[in-house]
Amino acid sequence: MGLLKRFFNQTRKPEGVLGALMLRGMNSGHGELADWGFNHLPMIRPARIVDMGCGAGRNAGELLRKYPDSHVMAIDYSLLSVEKATAYNKKSVDAGRCAVLQRDVSDLQLPDESFDLATAFETVYFWPGLERCFEQVARILKPGGLFLICNESDGLDATGKKFEKIIDGMKCYTAEELEAALREAGFSEVSTDHHGRKPWICVLARK
């Protein structure tokens, strides 16, 4: 595997020196997309939030700022991501408002009906079995809880297709595929939005 391909494969599970370089660019590189996604959230006051596939922790930090009375749990499959996200949100972690844990989204090992809001930015591409993972998200959300998914690829764009060939195990889903999997997992309301100029998609589901 060439160096460039090994670098891009760090998006799935950052590790080592290349993973640290990848994480360094994630917070700034995905910021505009994440902020666009945040704008799709309705006026809510969630007490407990979980950010899945938290990467280097920027979006968990934005959730803490957006909802100052909330507690945010950030989770990631990568131990390096957990370390970086913990450091990024150190003040909130020390204050007891944020916890960062290593978890597999297909087996979250979190209590049933314990969160008001779940978010997933640029991460469902790598989830092992979409419906099984979405069932885990539905399980930990309270009745009426929201699940926000935000992706840079709409599953049809040329760039997304190119990276599917480069990054092992990556799958770029269409909004329709995500909606079908969410409904199969037990979400009752699903709405989708497509960016007007870019292949970005945002999906908001209610349990």
Protein backbone atom coordinates (compact mmCIF):
# COMPACT_ATOMS: atom_id res chain seq x y z
CA MET A 1 0.00 0.00 0.00
CA GLY A 2 1.43 3.38 -1.04
CA LEU A 3 1.98 6.17 1.46
CA LEU A 4 -0.88 8.30 0.13
CA LYS A 5 -3.33 5.41 0.33
CA ARG A 6 -2.13 4.54 3.84
CA PHE A 7 -2.69 8.17 4.83
CA PHE A 8 -6.24 8.32 3.50
CA ASN A 9 -7.03 5.00 5.17
CA GLN A 10 -6.42 6.77 8.48
CA THR A 11 -9.87 8.36 8.12
CA ARG A 12 -11.38 5.01 9.14
CA LYS A 13 -9.38 4.38 12.31
CA PRO A 14 -6.56 6.87 12.95
CA GLU A 15 -3.43 5.31 14.42
CA GLY A 16 0.23 6.25 14.77
CA VAL A 17 1.99 9.17 13.11
CA LEU A 18 -0.19 9.19 9.98
CA GLY A 19 -3.32 9.01 12.11
CA ALA A 20 -2.18 11.99 14.17
CA LEU A 21 -1.63 13.97 10.97
CA MET A 22 -5.07 13.03 9.71
CA LEU A 23 -6.75 14.04 12.98
CA ARG A 24 -4.90 17.35 12.96
CA GLY A 25 -6.64 18.27 9.72
CA MET A 26 -10.09 16.93 10.59
CA ASN A 27 -11.17 19.67 12.99
CA SER A 28 -10.54 22.46 10.50
CA GLY A 29 -11.19 20.49 7.31
CA HIS A 30 -14.68 19.36 8.29
CA GLY A 31 -15.71 22.47 10.22
CA GLU A 32 -17.79 24.08 7.48
CA LEU A 33 -19.65 20.86 6.79
CA ALA A 34 -20.35 20.29 10.48
CA ASP A 35 -21.64 23.83 11.00
CA TRP A 36 -23.97 23.39 8.03
CA GLY A 37 -25.23 20.20 9.64
CA PHE A 38 -25.74 21.84 13.05
CA ASN A 39 -28.06 24.36 11.38
CA HIS A 40 -30.55 21.56 10.72
CA LEU A 41 -31.18 20.94 14.40
CA PRO A 42 -34.48 22.36 15.69
CA MET A 43 -34.77 24.49 18.82
CA ILE A 44 -34.10 21.87 21.47
CA ARG A 45 -32.49 21.72 24.90
CA PRO A 46 -30.90 18.27 25.11
CA ALA A 47 -29.59 17.27 28.51
CA ARG A 48 -27.47 14.37 27.27
CA ILE A 49 -25.77 14.17 23.87
CA VAL A 50 -23.59 11.53 22.24
CA ASP A 51 -21.27 12.37 19.33
CA MET A 52 -20.29 9.17 17.51
CA GLY A 53 -17.08 8.92 15.54
CA CYS A 54 -15.85 12.04 17.32
CA GLY A 55 -12.45 12.20 15.60
CA ALA A 56 -10.30 14.94 17.10
CA GLY A 57 -13.18 16.37 19.15
CA ARG A 58 -14.12 19.62 17.43
CA ASN A 59 -17.81 18.78 17.01
CA ALA A 60 -18.17 17.61 20.59
CA GLY A 61 -16.80 21.01 21.57
CA GLU A 62 -19.33 22.77 19.36
CA LEU A 63 -22.15 20.77 20.94
CA LEU A 64 -20.93 21.83 24.39
CA ARG A 65 -21.02 25.47 23.30
CA LYS A 66 -24.36 25.20 21.50
CA TYR A 67 -26.02 23.51 24.46
CA PRO A 68 -24.35 24.96 27.59
CA ASP A 69 -26.56 23.00 30.00
CA SER A 70 -25.84 19.64 28.39
CA HIS A 71 -23.47 16.77 29.04
CA VAL A 72 -21.71 15.46 25.91
CA MET A 73 -20.31 11.98 25.52
CA ALA A 74 -17.92 11.64 22.59
CA ILE A 75 -17.07 8.15 21.34
CA ASP A 76 -14.72 6.75 18.75
CA TYR A 77 -13.37 3.37 17.67
CA SER A 78 -9.85 4.80 17.52
CA LEU A 79 -7.93 5.11 20.79
CA LEU A 80 -5.87 7.89 19.23
CA SER A 81 -9.06 9.82 18.45
CA VAL A 82 -10.18 9.37 22.06
CA GLU A 83 -6.88 10.83 23.26
CA LYS A 84 -7.02 13.81 20.87
CA ALA A 85 -10.71 14.54 21.56
CA THR A 86 -10.07 14.40 25.30
CA ALA A 87 -7.21 16.89 24.98
CA TYR A 88 -9.28 19.17 22.72
CA ASN A 89 -12.13 19.29 25.25
CA LYS A 90 -9.95 19.14 28.39
CA LYS A 91 -11.71 21.97 30.24
CA SER A 92 -15.13 20.41 29.74
CA VAL A 93 -13.82 16.95 30.63
CA ASP A 94 -12.25 18.32 33.82
CA ALA A 95 -15.49 20.14 34.64
CA GLY A 96 -17.51 16.94 34.27
CA ARG A 97 -19.49 18.16 31.24
CA CYS A 98 -17.81 15.87 28.72
CA ALA A 99 -16.61 12.28 28.63
CA VAL A 100 -14.68 10.66 25.79
CA LEU A 101 -14.81 6.87 25.45
CA GLN A 102 -13.55 4.20 23.07
CA ARG A 103 -16.58 2.37 21.72
CA ASP A 104 -17.65 0.28 18.72
CA VAL A 105 -20.88 1.71 17.31
CA SER A 106 -22.15 -1.79 16.51
CA ASP A 107 -22.00 -2.59 20.25
CA LEU A 108 -22.17 0.70 22.12
CA GLN A 109 -22.44 -0.73 25.64
CA LEU A 110 -24.37 2.36 26.76
CA PRO A 111 -27.64 2.40 28.74
CA ASP A 112 -30.99 2.19 26.98
CA GLU A 113 -32.91 5.44 26.41
CA SER A 114 -30.21 7.61 27.98
CA PHE A 115 -29.60 10.34 25.35
CA ASP A 116 -31.69 13.14 23.87
CA LEU A 117 -29.50 13.75 20.81
CA ALA A 118 -27.00 11.67 18.83
CA THR A 119 -24.75 13.06 16.09
CA ALA A 120 -22.58 11.43 13.44
CA PHE A 121 -20.42 13.62 11.21
CA GLU A 122 -18.41 12.06 8.38
CA THR A 123 -18.41 8.64 10.01
CA VAL A 124 -21.26 6.35 8.91
CA TYR A 125 -19.21 5.51 5.80
CA PHE A 126 -17.22 3.12 8.00
CA TRP A 127 -19.90 1.66 10.26
CA PRO A 128 -20.02 -2.17 10.18
CA GLY A 129 -23.59 -3.02 9.19
CA LEU A 130 -25.65 0.15 8.89
CA GLU A 131 -28.99 -1.16 10.19
CA ARG A 132 -27.36 -2.93 13.16
CA CYS A 133 -25.50 0.26 14.10
CA PHE A 134 -28.62 2.40 13.66
CA GLU A 135 -30.49 -0.01 15.93
CA GLN A 136 -27.84 0.65 18.58
CA VAL A 137 -28.37 4.40 18.20
CA ALA A 138 -32.15 3.99 18.45
CA ARG A 139 -31.71 1.87 21.56
CA ILE A 140 -29.74 4.51 23.48
CA LEU A 141 -31.99 7.42 22.45
CA LYS A 142 -34.94 8.43 24.57
CA PRO A 143 -38.38 8.35 22.93
CA GLY A 144 -38.54 11.44 20.73
CA GLY A 145 -34.74 11.70 20.66
CA LEU A 146 -32.99 12.98 17.54
CA PHE A 147 -30.22 11.50 15.42
CA LEU A 148 -28.30 13.84 13.09
CA ILE A 149 -26.14 12.44 10.28
CA CYS A 150 -24.01 14.74 8.14
CA ASN A 151 -21.91 13.51 5.20
CA GLU A 152 -19.70 15.25 2.68
CA SER A 153 -20.65 12.70 0.01
CA ASP A 154 -24.18 12.05 -1.20
CA GLY A 155 -23.20 8.60 -2.46
CA LEU A 156 -23.33 9.73 -6.08
CA ASP A 157 -20.53 12.27 -6.43
CA ALA A 158 -17.31 11.44 -8.24
CA THR A 159 -15.07 12.34 -5.31
CA GLY A 160 -16.92 10.02 -2.96
CA LYS A 161 -16.73 7.19 -5.47
CA LYS A 162 -12.99 7.77 -5.85
CA PHE A 163 -12.37 7.54 -2.11
CA GLU A 164 -14.44 4.35 -1.88
CA LYS A 165 -11.76 2.75 -4.05
CA ILE A 166 -8.90 4.17 -1.97
CA ILE A 167 -10.15 3.67 1.59
CA ASP A 168 -10.74 0.10 2.73
CA GLY A 169 -14.28 -0.59 3.93
CA MET A 170 -15.66 2.82 2.97
CA LYS A 171 -19.22 3.08 1.63
CA CYS A 172 -20.79 6.40 0.63
CA TYR A 173 -24.56 6.14 1.11
CA THR A 174 -27.28 8.05 -0.66
CA ALA A 175 -29.84 9.93 1.39
CA GLU A 176 -32.41 7.35 0.32
CA GLU A 177 -30.26 4.47 1.57
CA LEU A 178 -29.73 6.18 4.90
CA GLU A 179 -33.43 6.91 5.28
CA ALA A 180 -34.39 3.31 4.51
CA ALA A 181 -31.89 1.95 7.04
CA LEU A 182 -33.05 4.40 9.70
CA ARG A 183 -36.70 3.45 9.26
CA GLU A 184 -35.77 -0.24 9.36
CA ALA A 185 -33.93 0.42 12.64
CA GLY A 186 -37.04 1.92 14.21
CA PHE A 187 -36.88 5.68 13.55
CA SER A 188 -40.36 7.03 12.87
CA GLU A 189 -39.59 10.40 11.28
CA VAL A 190 -36.75 11.01 8.82
CA SER A 191 -36.00 14.16 6.85
CA THR A 192 -33.13 14.80 4.45
CA ASP A 193 -31.49 17.86 2.95
CA HIS A 194 -29.00 18.23 0.14
CA HIS A 195 -26.66 21.20 -0.05
CA GLY A 196 -27.50 23.52 -2.93
CA ARG A 197 -23.98 23.62 -4.41
CA LYS A 198 -22.10 20.69 -2.90
CA PRO A 199 -22.75 16.94 -2.60
CA TRP A 200 -23.30 17.31 1.15
CA ILE A 201 -26.28 15.61 2.75
CA CYS A 202 -27.85 15.97 6.16
CA VAL A 203 -30.31 13.44 7.58
CA LEU A 204 -32.33 14.09 10.73
CA ALA A 205 -34.25 11.19 12.31
CA ARG A 206 -36.54 11.06 15.33
CA LYS A 207 -37.04 7.96 17.44
